Every structure is written in structure tokens, then in C-alpha cells.
């Protein structure tokens, strides 16, 4: 009888243990990511396009018959090269007065552009003097090295503005040349003299509106010329995103067809927004952000589509966690930390964020593993098992 009782008791204990084991909740399979320290960037991303920094649209200076243009899109031209010929029509007194006024207006714009060049050169000289003073103070230990970086950025921006002012002056001078050629053509008897339209700069023909021989009106566009060696990137940002961007911020140009991103730098955030209609029919306020290439653009041409990532914040080493691990708990951010096979909820403090990861300032430590995409089945104390491969 004793052995029978012992065997019966063992069977009862085994049965109870089996029932308890069956009733225990199974471990949940979860994906995990490790909290780690490393570099991090916060960017504003949007589509943009490239364009020639110095683009000239040549127009007919007078009304007349345009001879067929023998050049083609993409052809290289030199400065002052003949690109079109126009046999002008006889002009009335009113039209002659209009051309004369156009010449005067072009000359006034040229004088204004020359004044802007002088002002930009003075600003550049001042920026260079300021940079020298700051570098001296940094070398002597009176101010922090960040001041030298700011002064260098100011000097770079002043250099860019001076260069842009000089190109605007060249464009104004070209407009004066075109306007004067139209006026000169009207002084021949019977308007028999040909008006010669010449390239204002060395570059490439971006587009010829119509190469055929035809009658054109004064001011009608004939062709566009640009310098493909001096491209810029134009990005249309939502106004709510544009306020985060400032001149001097680095830009990563992607999606242009190459294997790696090209570096650029923000030159200007335009001070006005325009209304655009999205693909969903929603009106949006968009602001143009213009950036200059730092790396050579290579085979990129005018009007190419790119993806621009404007870096608004970056750090070399911060504690960060996968953004997929974050979830809201009341008014705070939380994560589930895997501790000895169980999920433990932790309230954390989040700093900067991007689409992939978030900066953590308190709540977890480097090396801890957190649950990615936690489901509703995961709660405090849940038994979890990391999926194979994590």
C-alpha cells in the first residue's frame, strides 16, 4: 500500500504541474533593438531640382523675321558668339520710343547691379577682416572655437553673395547690349540691317524655343543659355519646415542617379511663400530653399530631379534608440526594456528625433535591448522571446 500511495501522489503532483504549465501564458515573440551611442542627424527631406545658377533667356530685341537657328539644345557656346539673326520690321514712332525707353531701363538696372557688386565686395572684405580677427582671438584662447566656425560661414556666404552680384551685373550688361542692338537696327534706311543676337556668356544652350524661321515679336523668348558647371539645387519646402532651415546648413543630395549622396550647402531661404496644390488637391504654402553644390555635380544637368536632405541638427555621439520602440504612455514617451526575459516598461525623455531613431536623454542605458513595434499583447512583466536573427 505504501508504494501505491507514493505512486499516486507522484501522479497527482505531475498532473497538477502539467495543468499549471499549460495554464501559464506563453512567451511572446518580439523584435528587439539595442540602445546605443553614436552619430545622429535630423533632416528636412523633400524633392527638388537642379538649375543653372546663371541662366539667361535671350529674347528678340525687335520685331522682325527670325532666320533659322542652326544651333541645337546642349550645344556649347562662347561669350559673344552669334546665336540668332533677325531682319527687323519698320518701326512706328511709338515703337521707337518704347525701344529707347527699354534701353534706358536696361542701363539703369545695370548701374544698380554694379552698385550691388561694390556693396557685396565691401561686405566680403569686412567678413574676411572679421574672420582674421576671430581666428586671432581663438588662437589666443579668448573666445571659443565655435566663433571661428561662424565667422568662416559668414565669409563663405559673403563670397557667394559677391559672386552672385557679379553674375547679376553681367546679366544686366547683356540686357543693355541686347536693347542697344535693337535700337541700332532701327537706324538703317528701310530697317534693312540685321539684328545680331549674341550669347552673353560662355555655357551651353539649355533650350531653343523654336529653331524655325518665323516672324517674332519684340521681347519674344528665343532660347536659354546656362553654365552647367555652376548648378544649384532648388527645394520647395512646406513653410512649416522652411522655418527650421537657415543659410549655411549642410544638404545631402540623393536620388540623382549616382551611388552616393552629393554634399551641398544652403545659400538662401527665400523670404516669401507661394501657394501650391498638392497631388491630393490640398493647397500648401511652399518656400524655395536654394543650395550650392560642395561636391562636383558630375553629369547632372539643368532641371534634373533630386531628393534633398537638409541637416537641421547633428551630433557625433548621442544615446539613441529605434523610433519604432517608442509609444505614448499618458503624456510621456515609453519603451519596453527586455529584462531577464520579461518586458519592463520604462518612461524615457526624448530629445531630437528623425524617422529612424530618437535621442534619449534619460530612462535607459546603452546596451539595453528594447522591443520594436510593441503590440497590445505586450504589457508590464510579459514573458518575451527575441525572434531569431535579432
Protein backbone atom coordinates (compact mmCIF):
# COMPACT_ATOMS: atom_id res chain seq x y z
CA UNK A 1 0.00 0.00 0.00
CA UNK A 2 2.82 2.39 0.73
CA UNK A 3 4.25 2.21 -2.77
CA UNK A 4 0.83 2.61 -4.31
CA UNK A 5 0.24 5.77 -2.31
CA UNK A 6 3.63 7.16 -3.30
CA UNK A 7 2.98 6.48 -6.97
CA UNK A 8 -0.48 8.00 -6.72
CA UNK A 9 0.87 11.11 -5.04
CA UNK A 10 3.56 11.48 -7.71
CA UNK A 11 0.93 11.15 -10.42
CA UNK A 12 -1.24 13.81 -8.78
CA UNK A 13 1.72 16.19 -8.44
CA UNK A 14 2.72 15.60 -12.08
CA UNK A 15 -0.83 16.20 -13.21
CA UNK A 16 -1.12 19.42 -11.23
CA UNK A 17 2.26 20.59 -12.60
CA UNK A 18 1.15 19.79 -16.13
CA UNK A 19 -2.09 21.75 -15.69
CA UNK A 20 -0.21 24.72 -14.20
CA UNK A 21 2.30 24.63 -17.05
CA UNK A 22 -0.50 24.56 -19.62
CA UNK A 23 -2.25 27.47 -17.95
CA UNK A 24 0.86 29.64 -17.82
CA UNK A 25 0.96 32.35 -20.57
CA UNK A 26 3.26 31.53 -23.48
CA UNK A 27 6.26 33.70 -24.23
CA UNK A 28 5.65 36.38 -26.85
CA UNK A 29 7.96 36.52 -29.84
CA UNK A 30 9.19 40.10 -30.30
CA UNK A 31 11.66 42.11 -32.37
CA UNK A 32 14.35 43.88 -30.42
CA UNK A 33 16.81 46.73 -30.93
CA UNK A 34 19.75 47.79 -28.80
CA UNK A 35 20.12 51.18 -27.18
CA UNK A 36 23.48 52.51 -28.34
CA UNK A 37 25.58 55.66 -28.59
CA UNK A 38 26.59 57.03 -31.97
CA UNK A 39 26.18 59.81 -34.51
CA UNK A 40 22.73 61.17 -35.32
CA UNK A 41 21.21 63.64 -37.77
CA UNK A 42 17.85 65.35 -38.02
CA UNK A 43 16.93 66.33 -41.57
CA UNK A 44 14.17 68.02 -43.52
CA UNK A 45 13.59 65.97 -46.66
CA UNK A 46 11.81 66.90 -49.87
CA UNK A 47 12.09 66.72 -53.63
CA UNK A 48 13.95 69.42 -55.53
CA UNK A 49 15.52 70.10 -58.88
CA UNK A 50 18.77 71.45 -60.19
CA UNK A 51 19.09 74.63 -62.20
CA UNK A 52 21.85 76.72 -63.66
CA UNK A 53 22.88 79.43 -61.24
CA UNK A 54 23.42 81.80 -64.16
CA UNK A 55 20.65 81.28 -66.69
CA UNK A 56 19.99 83.77 -69.46
CA UNK A 57 16.83 83.86 -71.54
CA UNK A 58 17.62 85.63 -74.82
CA UNK A 59 14.64 87.47 -76.31
CA UNK A 60 14.06 89.19 -79.63
CA UNK A 61 15.15 92.83 -79.19
CA UNK A 62 12.94 93.92 -82.09
CA UNK A 63 10.02 92.58 -84.07
CA UNK A 64 11.05 91.02 -87.35
CA UNK A 65 11.79 87.85 -89.28
CA UNK A 66 13.98 85.41 -87.38
CA UNK A 67 16.37 83.37 -89.51
CA UNK A 68 16.51 79.67 -88.74
CA UNK A 69 18.68 78.96 -85.68
CA UNK A 70 21.34 76.44 -86.65
CA UNK A 71 22.34 75.55 -83.08
CA UNK A 72 20.80 72.72 -81.06
CA UNK A 73 19.90 72.07 -77.43
CA UNK A 74 23.05 71.21 -75.47
CA UNK A 75 25.50 72.90 -77.87
CA UNK A 76 28.37 74.77 -76.23
CA UNK A 77 28.64 78.47 -76.96
CA UNK A 78 31.32 81.05 -76.20
CA UNK A 79 30.85 84.55 -74.89
CA UNK A 80 29.63 86.96 -77.58
CA UNK A 81 29.01 84.11 -80.06
CA UNK A 82 26.34 84.79 -82.68
CA UNK A 83 23.27 82.68 -81.96
CA UNK A 84 20.42 84.31 -83.94
CA UNK A 85 19.73 86.84 -86.70
CA UNK A 86 16.63 88.99 -87.04
CA UNK A 87 15.62 91.14 -90.01
CA UNK A 88 13.68 93.92 -88.23
CA UNK A 89 10.34 95.26 -89.41
CA UNK A 90 9.84 99.01 -89.95
CA UNK A 91 9.01 100.64 -86.63
CA UNK A 92 6.50 103.31 -85.81
CA UNK A 93 7.36 106.34 -83.67
CA UNK A 94 5.69 104.72 -80.69
CA UNK A 95 7.69 101.50 -81.08
CA UNK A 96 10.91 103.50 -81.46
CA UNK A 97 10.13 105.34 -78.23
CA UNK A 98 9.47 102.02 -76.50
CA UNK A 99 12.84 100.63 -77.59
CA UNK A 100 14.59 103.80 -76.45
CA UNK A 101 12.88 103.54 -73.08
CA UNK A 102 13.87 99.85 -72.88
CA UNK A 103 17.50 100.83 -73.40
CA UNK A 104 17.29 103.45 -70.66
CA UNK A 105 15.66 100.95 -68.29
CA UNK A 106 18.33 98.33 -69.01
CA UNK A 107 21.10 100.86 -68.39
CA UNK A 108 19.52 101.83 -65.05
CA UNK A 109 19.33 98.18 -63.99
CA UNK A 110 22.98 97.76 -64.98
CA UNK A 111 24.03 100.71 -62.84
CA UNK A 112 22.08 99.29 -59.90
CA UNK A 113 23.72 95.89 -60.39
CA UNK A 114 27.17 97.50 -60.44
CA UNK A 115 26.38 99.26 -57.16
CA UNK A 116 25.34 95.93 -55.65
CA UNK A 117 28.66 94.43 -56.76
CA UNK A 118 30.58 97.16 -54.96
CA UNK A 119 28.48 96.68 -51.84
CA UNK A 120 28.93 92.89 -51.94
CA UNK A 121 32.70 93.32 -52.36
CA UNK A 122 32.78 95.60 -49.32
CA UNK A 123 30.77 93.07 -47.27
CA UNK A 124 33.16 90.32 -48.36
CA UNK A 125 36.21 92.36 -47.37
CA UNK A 126 34.62 93.08 -43.99
CA UNK A 127 33.83 89.37 -43.48
CA UNK A 128 37.43 88.44 -44.26
CA UNK A 129 38.77 91.03 -41.81
CA UNK A 130 36.37 89.76 -39.16
CA UNK A 131 37.49 86.17 -39.80
CA UNK A 132 41.13 87.16 -39.31
CA UNK A 133 40.30 88.88 -36.01
CA UNK A 134 38.27 85.91 -34.75
CA UNK A 135 40.98 83.40 -35.70
CA UNK A 136 43.49 85.50 -33.78
CA UNK A 137 41.26 85.61 -30.70
CA UNK A 138 40.65 81.86 -30.89
CA UNK A 139 44.37 81.22 -31.20
CA UNK A 140 44.99 83.35 -28.11
CA UNK A 141 42.25 81.49 -26.21
CA UNK A 142 39.96 84.48 -25.64
CA UNK A 143 36.89 83.01 -27.39
CA UNK A 144 35.56 79.54 -28.18
CA UNK A 145 36.42 77.78 -31.49
CA UNK A 146 32.72 77.87 -32.45
CA UNK A 147 33.08 81.59 -33.12
CA UNK A 148 35.66 80.82 -35.81
CA UNK A 149 33.25 78.40 -37.49
CA UNK A 150 30.53 81.05 -37.50
CA UNK A 151 32.91 83.66 -38.91
CA UNK A 152 34.06 81.21 -41.58
CA UNK A 153 30.45 80.50 -42.55
CA UNK A 154 29.80 84.26 -42.80
CA UNK A 155 32.86 84.65 -45.03
CA UNK A 156 31.69 81.80 -47.29
CA UNK A 157 28.22 83.31 -47.59
CA UNK A 158 29.68 86.74 -48.35
CA UNK A 159 31.87 85.19 -51.07
CA UNK A 160 28.82 83.53 -52.60
CA UNK A 161 26.80 86.75 -52.49
CA UNK A 162 29.63 88.71 -54.13
CA UNK A 163 29.87 86.11 -56.89
CA UNK A 164 26.11 86.21 -57.40
CA UNK A 165 26.18 90.02 -57.57
CA UNK A 166 28.86 89.90 -60.26
CA UNK A 167 26.80 87.46 -62.32
CA UNK A 168 23.74 89.70 -61.95
CA UNK A 169 25.85 92.61 -63.21
CA UNK A 170 26.90 90.52 -66.21
CA UNK A 171 23.26 89.69 -66.91
CA UNK A 172 22.33 93.38 -66.72
CA UNK A 173 25.17 94.27 -69.09
CA UNK A 174 23.92 91.62 -71.52
CA UNK A 175 20.41 93.08 -71.36
CA UNK A 176 21.84 96.51 -72.19
CA UNK A 177 23.71 95.04 -75.15
CA UNK A 178 20.55 93.38 -76.46
CA UNK A 179 18.47 96.54 -76.01
CA UNK A 180 21.08 98.71 -77.75
CA UNK A 181 21.30 96.27 -80.66
CA UNK A 182 17.56 96.64 -81.14
CA UNK A 183 17.88 100.40 -81.14
CA UNK A 184 20.79 100.33 -83.60
CA UNK A 185 18.82 98.19 -86.04
CA UNK A 186 16.11 100.80 -86.38
CA UNK A 187 18.53 103.48 -87.62
CA UNK A 188 19.17 101.88 -91.04
CA UNK A 189 17.18 103.06 -94.05
CA UNK A 190 14.18 100.77 -94.50
CA UNK A 191 15.31 98.69 -91.48
CA UNK A 192 17.47 96.57 -93.76
CA UNK A 193 20.20 95.95 -91.18
CA UNK A 194 20.17 92.57 -89.47
CA UNK A 195 19.94 92.45 -85.68
CA UNK A 196 22.55 90.05 -84.37
CA UNK A 197 21.71 88.27 -81.10
CA UNK A 198 24.85 87.09 -79.28
CA UNK A 199 25.49 84.88 -76.27
CA UNK A 200 26.14 86.99 -73.13
CA UNK A 201 28.30 84.27 -71.56
CA UNK A 202 30.10 81.01 -72.24
CA UNK A 203 27.97 78.00 -71.48
CA UNK A 204 25.53 75.61 -73.11
CA UNK A 205 22.19 76.08 -74.81
CA UNK A 206 19.58 74.73 -72.43
CA UNK A 207 16.58 75.09 -74.71
CA UNK A 208 15.67 76.62 -78.06
CA UNK A 209 12.02 77.62 -78.09
CA UNK A 210 11.62 77.16 -81.85
CA UNK A 211 14.57 76.97 -84.27
CA UNK A 212 12.40 77.52 -87.37
CA UNK A 213 12.44 80.69 -89.46
CA UNK A 214 9.47 82.81 -88.45
CA UNK A 215 8.22 86.25 -87.55
CA UNK A 216 8.79 87.17 -83.92
CA UNK A 217 7.53 89.98 -81.75
CA UNK A 218 9.79 92.20 -79.70
CA UNK A 219 10.50 90.58 -76.36
CA UNK A 220 9.61 87.04 -77.52
CA UNK A 221 11.91 84.41 -75.94
CA UNK A 222 14.27 82.74 -78.41
CA UNK A 223 16.50 80.44 -76.35
CA UNK A 224 18.02 79.87 -72.90
CA UNK A 225 21.73 79.66 -72.07
CA UNK A 226 23.25 78.47 -68.81
CA UNK A 227 26.51 77.37 -67.21
CA UNK A 228 26.17 73.68 -66.28
CA UNK A 229 29.40 73.92 -64.33
CA UNK A 230 27.67 76.17 -61.79
CA UNK A 231 24.49 74.40 -60.72
CA UNK A 232 22.32 74.97 -57.68
CA UNK A 233 19.56 72.96 -56.03
CA UNK A 234 16.09 74.43 -55.51
CA UNK A 235 13.89 72.67 -52.92
CA UNK A 236 10.26 73.64 -52.34
CA UNK A 237 9.64 73.09 -48.62
CA UNK A 238 6.43 73.50 -46.69
CA UNK A 239 6.55 76.80 -44.85
CA UNK A 240 6.31 74.92 -41.52
CA UNK A 241 9.52 73.06 -42.45
CA UNK A 242 11.30 76.02 -44.05
CA UNK A 243 11.37 77.90 -40.72
CA UNK A 244 13.75 75.22 -39.40
CA UNK A 245 16.28 75.88 -42.19
CA UNK A 246 18.96 78.58 -42.14
CA UNK A 247 21.75 79.58 -44.55
CA UNK A 248 24.92 77.55 -44.09
CA UNK A 249 23.19 74.27 -43.17
CA UNK A 250 24.60 71.17 -44.92
CA UNK A 251 22.49 69.38 -47.53
CA UNK A 252 22.73 65.80 -48.79
CA UNK A 253 21.60 65.45 -52.42
CA UNK A 254 20.34 61.96 -53.18
CA UNK A 255 18.24 60.26 -55.83
CA UNK A 256 20.16 61.86 -58.69
CA UNK A 257 21.25 58.53 -60.19
CA UNK A 258 24.64 58.09 -58.54
CA UNK A 259 25.80 55.65 -55.89
CA UNK A 260 26.45 58.18 -53.15
CA UNK A 261 24.96 61.42 -51.88
CA UNK A 262 26.44 64.72 -53.03
CA UNK A 263 27.16 67.43 -50.49
CA UNK A 264 25.67 70.90 -50.80
CA UNK A 265 25.09 73.88 -48.52
CA UNK A 266 22.07 76.16 -48.07
CA UNK A 267 22.72 79.58 -49.57
CA UNK A 268 19.36 81.25 -49.19
CA UNK A 269 15.86 80.67 -47.83
CA UNK A 270 13.55 82.87 -49.86
CA UNK A 271 11.55 85.25 -47.65
CA UNK A 272 8.15 84.58 -49.28
CA UNK A 273 5.90 81.56 -49.79
CA UNK A 274 3.78 80.64 -52.79
CA UNK A 275 0.58 78.62 -52.86
CA UNK A 276 0.85 75.19 -54.46
CA UNK A 277 -1.79 72.50 -54.91
CA UNK A 278 -0.66 69.01 -53.89
CA UNK A 279 -1.50 65.79 -55.72
CA UNK A 280 -4.38 65.34 -53.26
CA UNK A 281 -5.82 68.72 -54.19
CA UNK A 282 -4.74 70.40 -50.92
CA UNK A 283 -3.43 73.96 -51.01
CA UNK A 284 0.02 74.25 -49.43
CA UNK A 285 2.37 77.11 -48.73
CA UNK A 286 5.78 76.35 -50.22
CA UNK A 287 9.09 78.20 -49.77
CA UNK A 288 12.11 77.88 -52.07
CA UNK A 289 15.34 76.86 -50.36
CA UNK A 290 18.41 77.30 -52.60
CA UNK A 291 21.61 75.34 -52.01
CA UNK A 292 25.01 75.35 -53.73
CA UNK A 293 26.88 72.14 -54.53
CA UNK A 294 30.01 71.45 -52.48
CA UNK A 295 30.86 68.26 -54.38
CA UNK A 296 31.14 68.38 -58.19
CA UNK A 297 27.69 67.56 -59.64
CA UNK A 298 29.21 65.44 -62.41
CA UNK A 299 26.72 64.53 -65.17
CA UNK A 300 23.77 66.34 -63.59
CA UNK A 301 22.20 68.94 -65.87
CA UNK A 302 19.66 71.74 -65.61
CA UNK A 303 16.21 70.76 -64.37
CA UNK A 304 17.19 67.30 -63.03
CA UNK A 305 15.06 65.88 -60.23
CA UNK A 306 16.80 65.12 -56.90
CA UNK A 307 15.97 64.39 -53.29
CA UNK A 308 17.42 66.88 -50.83
CA UNK A 309 18.01 66.12 -47.14
CA UNK A 310 18.73 69.37 -45.26
CA UNK A 311 20.55 68.67 -41.98
CA UNK A 312 18.96 70.89 -39.31
CA UNK A 313 20.75 69.23 -36.37
CA UNK A 314 23.53 66.70 -35.96
CA UNK A 315 25.79 65.31 -33.24
CA UNK A 316 28.76 62.97 -33.27
CA UNK A 317 27.76 60.90 -30.21
CA UNK A 318 24.37 60.70 -28.51
CA UNK A 319 22.43 57.93 -26.79
CA UNK A 320 19.76 56.82 -29.25
CA UNK A 321 17.01 54.27 -29.61
CA UNK A 322 15.00 53.00 -32.56
CA UNK A 323 11.96 55.21 -33.19
CA UNK A 324 9.90 52.05 -33.70
CA UNK A 325 10.29 51.24 -30.00
CA UNK A 326 8.61 54.44 -28.78
CA UNK A 327 4.98 54.60 -27.68
CA UNK A 328 2.95 57.12 -25.74
CA UNK A 329 2.02 56.49 -22.11
CA UNK A 330 -0.06 59.32 -20.69
CA UNK A 331 1.90 62.49 -21.51
CA UNK A 332 5.31 60.81 -21.73
CA UNK A 333 7.28 58.57 -24.08
CA UNK A 334 7.85 54.97 -23.04
CA UNK A 335 9.68 51.84 -24.21
CA UNK A 336 9.62 48.20 -23.17
CA UNK A 337 13.04 47.06 -21.97
CA UNK A 338 13.76 43.32 -22.07
CA UNK A 339 15.00 42.35 -18.60
CA UNK A 340 15.63 38.65 -17.85
CA UNK A 341 13.11 37.51 -20.45
CA UNK A 342 10.36 39.89 -19.34
CA UNK A 343 9.12 43.22 -20.71
CA UNK A 344 9.63 46.16 -18.36
CA UNK A 345 8.06 49.49 -19.18
CA UNK A 346 10.37 52.48 -18.86
CA UNK A 347 9.45 56.15 -19.09
CA UNK A 348 12.15 57.95 -21.07
CA UNK A 349 12.99 61.50 -22.03
CA UNK A 350 13.34 62.06 -25.77
CA UNK A 351 15.39 64.82 -27.39
CA UNK A 352 15.81 65.12 -31.14
CA UNK A 353 14.00 62.68 -33.42
CA UNK A 354 14.04 61.59 -37.04
CA UNK A 355 12.16 58.91 -38.93
CA UNK A 356 14.55 56.13 -37.88
CA UNK A 357 15.82 56.89 -34.39
CA UNK A 358 15.41 59.19 -31.41
CA UNK A 359 17.82 60.78 -28.95
CA UNK A 360 17.34 59.56 -25.36
CA UNK A 361 18.38 61.87 -22.54
CA UNK A 362 17.13 59.77 -19.59
CA UNK A 363 15.39 56.49 -18.80
CA UNK A 364 17.55 53.79 -20.42
CA UNK A 365 21.23 52.95 -20.69
CA UNK A 366 23.48 51.95 -23.56
CA UNK A 367 23.44 48.21 -24.25
CA UNK A 368 19.88 47.56 -23.10
CA UNK A 369 17.53 45.90 -25.56
CA UNK A 370 14.09 47.35 -26.25
CA UNK A 371 11.07 45.89 -28.03
CA UNK A 372 10.37 47.25 -31.52
CA UNK A 373 6.76 47.72 -32.61
CA UNK A 374 5.28 46.53 -29.28
CA UNK A 375 1.79 45.06 -29.76
CA UNK A 376 -1.19 45.32 -27.42
CA UNK A 377 -0.32 41.87 -26.06
CA UNK A 378 2.89 43.21 -24.51
CA UNK A 379 2.44 44.62 -21.01
CA UNK A 380 4.45 45.11 -17.85
CA UNK A 381 6.03 41.79 -16.87
CA UNK A 382 5.08 39.88 -20.02
CA UNK A 383 7.35 37.00 -20.86
CA UNK A 384 9.02 37.66 -24.20
CA UNK A 385 11.40 35.90 -26.52
CA UNK A 386 13.52 37.66 -29.10
CA UNK A 387 12.95 36.38 -32.60
CA UNK A 388 15.84 34.56 -34.22
CA UNK A 389 18.19 36.94 -36.03
CA UNK A 390 17.74 39.90 -33.66
